[in-house]
Protein backbone atom coordinates (compact mmCIF):
# COMPACT_ATOMS: atom_id res chain seq x y z
CA PRO A 1 85.57 118.87 88.84
CA ASP A 2 82.44 116.87 87.81
CA ASN A 3 80.18 118.90 90.34
CA PHE A 4 81.98 122.27 90.19
CA PRO A 5 79.53 125.12 90.87
CA ARG A 6 80.09 127.55 88.29
CA ASP A 7 77.62 129.89 89.88
CA ILE A 8 80.19 130.56 92.67
CA LEU A 9 82.52 132.11 90.15
CA PRO A 10 80.80 135.75 89.89
CA VAL A 11 80.13 135.81 93.66
CA MET A 12 83.93 135.24 94.07
CA ALA A 13 84.97 137.71 91.29
CA ALA A 14 82.66 140.30 92.96
CA ASN A 15 84.45 140.20 96.44
CA THR A 16 88.20 140.50 97.31
CA ARG A 17 87.68 138.63 100.53
CA PHE A 18 87.68 135.27 98.24
CA PHE A 19 90.91 134.32 96.75
CA PRO A 20 90.57 132.84 93.10
CA TYR A 21 92.92 129.70 94.20
CA PHE A 22 91.47 126.65 92.96
CA ASP A 23 92.66 123.12 93.74
CA ILE A 24 90.83 120.74 91.65
CA PRO A 25 92.28 117.25 91.40
CA PHE A 26 92.00 116.07 87.59
CA GLN A 27 93.44 112.66 88.26
CA ALA A 28 93.64 111.52 84.45
CA GLY A 29 93.40 113.27 81.22
CA GLU A 30 92.17 110.27 79.16
CA GLU A 31 88.40 109.52 78.97
CA THR A 32 88.40 105.71 79.57
CA LEU A 33 90.97 106.33 82.67
CA LEU A 34 88.54 108.66 84.27
CA ARG A 35 85.83 106.01 83.40
CA SER A 36 87.56 103.50 85.51
CA MET A 37 88.11 105.89 88.30
CA ASN A 38 84.56 106.61 88.43
CA ARG A 39 84.61 110.08 86.81
CA ARG A 40 81.80 111.33 84.74
CA GLY A 41 83.62 113.85 83.22
CA ASN A 42 86.30 114.25 79.90
CA PRO A 43 89.44 116.00 79.29
CA ASP A 44 87.68 118.59 76.80
CA ALA A 45 84.94 119.39 79.63
CA TYR A 46 87.44 119.97 82.10
CA LEU A 47 89.26 122.46 79.77
CA ARG A 48 85.94 124.37 79.40
CA LEU A 49 85.72 124.33 82.88
CA VAL A 50 89.14 125.90 83.81
CA ALA A 51 88.63 128.50 80.65
CA ASP A 52 85.27 129.85 82.55
CA ILE A 53 87.35 129.97 85.84
CA ARG A 54 89.99 131.79 84.17
CA ASN A 55 88.01 133.95 82.19
CA ALA A 56 85.89 134.86 85.30
CA PHE A 57 88.61 136.91 86.86
CA THR A 58 90.57 138.57 84.23
CA GLU A 59 88.78 141.89 85.43
CA SER A 60 89.16 141.14 89.26
CA PRO A 61 91.64 142.79 91.23
CA TYR A 62 93.79 139.71 91.61
CA GLY A 63 94.31 139.78 87.75
CA MET A 64 94.00 135.90 87.08
CA ALA A 65 92.93 132.65 88.77
CA VAL A 66 95.49 130.07 89.95
CA LEU A 67 94.90 126.48 89.46
CA ARG A 68 96.42 123.50 91.50
CA THR A 69 95.61 120.04 90.48
CA THR A 70 96.53 116.48 91.00
CA PHE A 71 97.39 113.45 89.09
CA LEU A 72 97.52 109.74 89.53
CA VAL A 73 99.48 107.08 87.78
CA GLY A 74 100.03 103.70 87.55
CA PHE A 75 96.55 103.04 87.57
CA PRO A 76 95.38 99.87 86.22
CA ARG A 77 94.81 99.66 82.61
CA GLU A 78 97.10 102.97 81.87
CA THR A 79 98.87 102.44 79.10
CA ASP A 80 101.52 104.49 77.26
CA GLU A 81 98.70 105.90 74.80
CA THR A 82 96.57 106.89 77.97
CA PHE A 83 99.41 108.07 80.15
CA GLU A 84 100.40 110.18 76.75
CA LYS A 85 97.16 111.91 76.38
CA THR A 86 97.30 112.74 80.42
CA ALA A 87 100.68 114.28 79.90
CA ARG A 88 99.11 116.40 76.98
CA PHE A 89 96.18 117.49 79.29
CA LEU A 90 98.46 118.92 82.09
CA ALA A 91 100.51 120.47 79.42
CA SER A 92 96.90 122.41 78.19
CA LEU A 93 95.54 123.15 81.64
CA ARG A 94 98.60 125.69 82.39
CA SER A 95 98.37 125.03 86.05
CA VAL A 96 100.37 126.89 88.52
CA TRP A 97 100.95 123.95 90.52
CA SER A 98 100.24 120.19 90.32
CA GLY A 99 101.15 117.06 92.39
CA ALA A 100 101.15 113.33 91.27
CA PHE A 101 101.18 110.30 93.10
CA ILE A 102 101.49 106.57 91.94
CA TRP A 103 98.37 104.27 92.46
CA SER A 104 98.61 101.83 95.27
CA ARG A 105 96.00 98.68 95.26
CA GLU A 106 93.67 99.33 98.31
CA GLU A 107 91.50 96.54 99.86
CA GLY A 108 87.76 97.32 99.89
CA THR A 109 88.06 99.56 96.77
CA ALA A 110 86.60 98.94 93.31
CA ALA A 111 89.90 99.37 91.67
CA ALA A 112 91.47 96.72 94.13
CA ASP A 113 90.28 93.96 91.54
CA TYR A 114 91.24 95.49 88.56
CA PRO A 115 93.89 93.81 86.17
CA ARG A 116 97.15 95.29 84.19
CA ALA A 117 98.26 97.72 86.93
CA PRO A 118 101.51 99.04 85.33
CA ALA A 119 104.78 98.05 87.05
CA LYS A 120 106.26 100.42 89.53
CA LYS A 121 109.10 101.41 87.25
CA THR A 122 106.60 102.36 84.70
CA ALA A 123 104.46 104.17 86.85
CA GLN A 124 107.65 106.42 88.72
CA LYS A 125 108.65 107.05 85.27
CA ARG A 126 105.14 108.86 84.48
CA LEU A 127 105.16 110.53 87.32
CA ASP A 128 108.65 111.99 87.00
CA THR A 129 107.10 113.09 83.42
CA LEU A 130 104.21 114.79 85.10
CA LEU A 131 106.71 116.70 87.36
CA GLU A 132 108.76 117.76 84.91
CA ILE A 133 106.14 119.27 82.83
CA GLN A 134 104.70 121.26 85.72
CA ARG A 135 108.58 122.21 86.98
CA ARG A 136 108.74 124.05 83.54
CA MET A 137 105.10 125.60 83.61
CA THR A 138 105.98 126.82 87.13
CA PRO A 139 108.02 129.84 86.47
CA GLU A 140 106.12 131.05 83.32
CA GLU A 141 102.75 130.82 85.12
CA LEU A 142 104.38 132.96 87.91
CA ALA A 143 106.09 135.48 85.89
CA PHE A 144 102.40 137.28 85.84
CA PHE A 145 102.89 138.54 89.15
CA VAL A 146 106.54 140.19 88.42
CA GLY A 147 106.09 143.68 88.78
CA LYS A 148 103.06 143.69 90.90
CA ARG A 149 102.25 144.33 94.68
CA VAL A 150 100.77 141.85 96.58
CA GLU A 151 100.23 141.14 100.57
CA VAL A 152 102.30 138.41 101.58
CA LEU A 153 101.73 136.69 105.32
CA VAL A 154 105.36 136.23 106.88
CA GLU A 155 106.15 132.91 108.08
CA GLU A 156 109.67 132.97 109.17
CA LEU A 157 112.76 135.15 109.54
CA ILE A 158 115.99 133.68 107.98
CA PRO A 159 118.93 134.10 111.02
CA LEU A 160 121.66 136.22 110.16
CA SER A 161 125.19 134.32 110.24
CA ASP A 162 127.61 135.48 112.64
CA GLU A 163 129.91 137.24 109.83
CA GLU A 164 126.68 139.04 108.58
CA VAL A 165 126.23 140.55 111.99
CA ALA A 166 129.92 141.33 112.53
CA GLU A 167 129.75 143.34 109.15
CA SER A 168 126.36 145.28 110.00
CA GLU A 169 128.20 146.38 113.39
CA LYS A 170 131.31 147.09 111.75
CA ASN A 171 129.71 149.23 108.88
CA GLY A 172 126.81 150.66 111.59
CA ILE A 173 124.41 149.86 109.01
CA PRO A 174 121.10 147.99 109.65
CA PRO A 175 122.09 144.50 107.93
CA SER A 176 120.00 143.04 105.18
CA ARG A 177 117.51 140.39 105.63
CA LEU A 178 115.70 137.81 104.23
CA ALA A 179 112.22 136.09 105.27
CA LEU A 180 109.87 133.46 103.90
CA ALA A 181 106.31 134.67 103.22
CA ARG A 182 103.50 133.37 101.36
CA ALA A 183 101.20 135.18 98.82
CA TRP A 184 97.52 134.45 98.28
CA PHE A 185 98.51 132.19 95.19
CA GLN A 186 100.74 129.84 97.55
CA ALA A 187 99.11 127.12 99.73
CA PRO A 188 101.19 126.13 102.52
CA GLU A 189 103.35 123.57 102.79
CA VAL A 190 102.57 122.63 98.88
CA ASP A 191 103.46 125.32 97.06
CA GLY A 192 106.60 128.07 96.66
CA SER A 193 107.20 130.62 98.78
CA VAL A 194 107.94 134.22 98.65
CA VAL A 195 111.53 135.23 99.65
CA LEU A 196 111.52 138.75 100.83
CA GLN A 197 114.47 141.18 101.17
CA PHE A 198 114.36 143.75 103.87
CA ASP A 199 116.79 145.99 105.84
CA GLU A 200 116.68 145.02 109.46
CA GLY A 201 114.02 147.25 111.64
CA SER A 202 112.31 148.37 108.00
CA ARG A 203 108.45 148.18 107.49
CA ASP A 204 106.22 148.19 104.67
CA SER A 205 104.46 151.45 103.20
CA ARG A 206 101.45 150.80 105.87
CA GLY A 207 103.78 150.71 108.58
CA ASN A 208 103.47 146.86 109.47
CA PRO A 209 106.82 145.36 110.66
CA VAL A 210 108.19 142.52 108.79
CA ALA A 211 107.85 139.61 111.50
CA PRO A 212 106.18 136.17 111.93
CA GLY A 213 102.49 136.40 111.79
CA SER A 214 102.50 139.82 110.10
CA VAL A 215 101.00 140.66 106.45
CA VAL A 216 103.14 143.14 104.59
CA GLU A 217 103.12 144.76 101.24
CA ALA A 218 105.65 143.27 98.77
CA LEU A 219 106.87 144.16 95.35
CA ILE A 220 107.36 141.07 93.28
CA MET A 221 110.88 141.70 91.57
CA GLN A 222 111.40 138.06 89.64
CA VAL A 223 110.94 134.63 89.69
CA ASN A 224 113.19 131.55 90.70
CA GLY A 225 112.26 128.26 90.01
CA ILE A 226 108.75 127.52 92.07
CA ASP A 227 109.71 130.36 94.40
CA VAL A 228 109.06 134.42 93.69
CA GLU A 229 111.64 137.11 95.18
CA ALA A 230 110.37 140.41 96.58
CA VAL A 231 111.04 143.62 98.43
CA LEU A 232 109.51 146.07 100.41
CA PRO A 233 107.94 148.88 98.15
């Protein structure tokens, strides 16, 4: 974040080929820890950066910028007080996604010789705290997309069970299917998915089939944890 080029924001906002998804690893939310990590910024400056990013996309077709970030816990010299500031910083960010990791000593790095690393049990508790904060925020932030139409990349079709196939054949109607897909605000492997419900053989409003690798238009209906549920409009 220290060298984030703000001049790219109006360029991105003016061109829909750029998705406003920003993965910015803040690592900590307390200034002395940031200095120990060789970061030059501070929490207030980072919050201003996030505000600038969000303000740049309020009028864009995407409607908002999505933030993912990462934190490092258990770093040498981290105390209860400095960690509490990091936890409050994460809550202030209102990130849609974030991850957290426990620091481990690596030979040859500057931090390898730092004293007073927290105990592993303490570090794990702090990691769980950050993940819980994010777990509560993610559905609240994803609610922005409910009722909106978005393009999604279909990645996988959920196989029908034998009972579902038999029921469909008995009734003579196409079975209802589920697919896992991904929208622009979901990075692969680390973020949630779009769970898309559709009828066998149906196509989206542009005639695109629901098949792995295809891009279809979906209507977001609701949030379910870290996922969103959608249908073909």
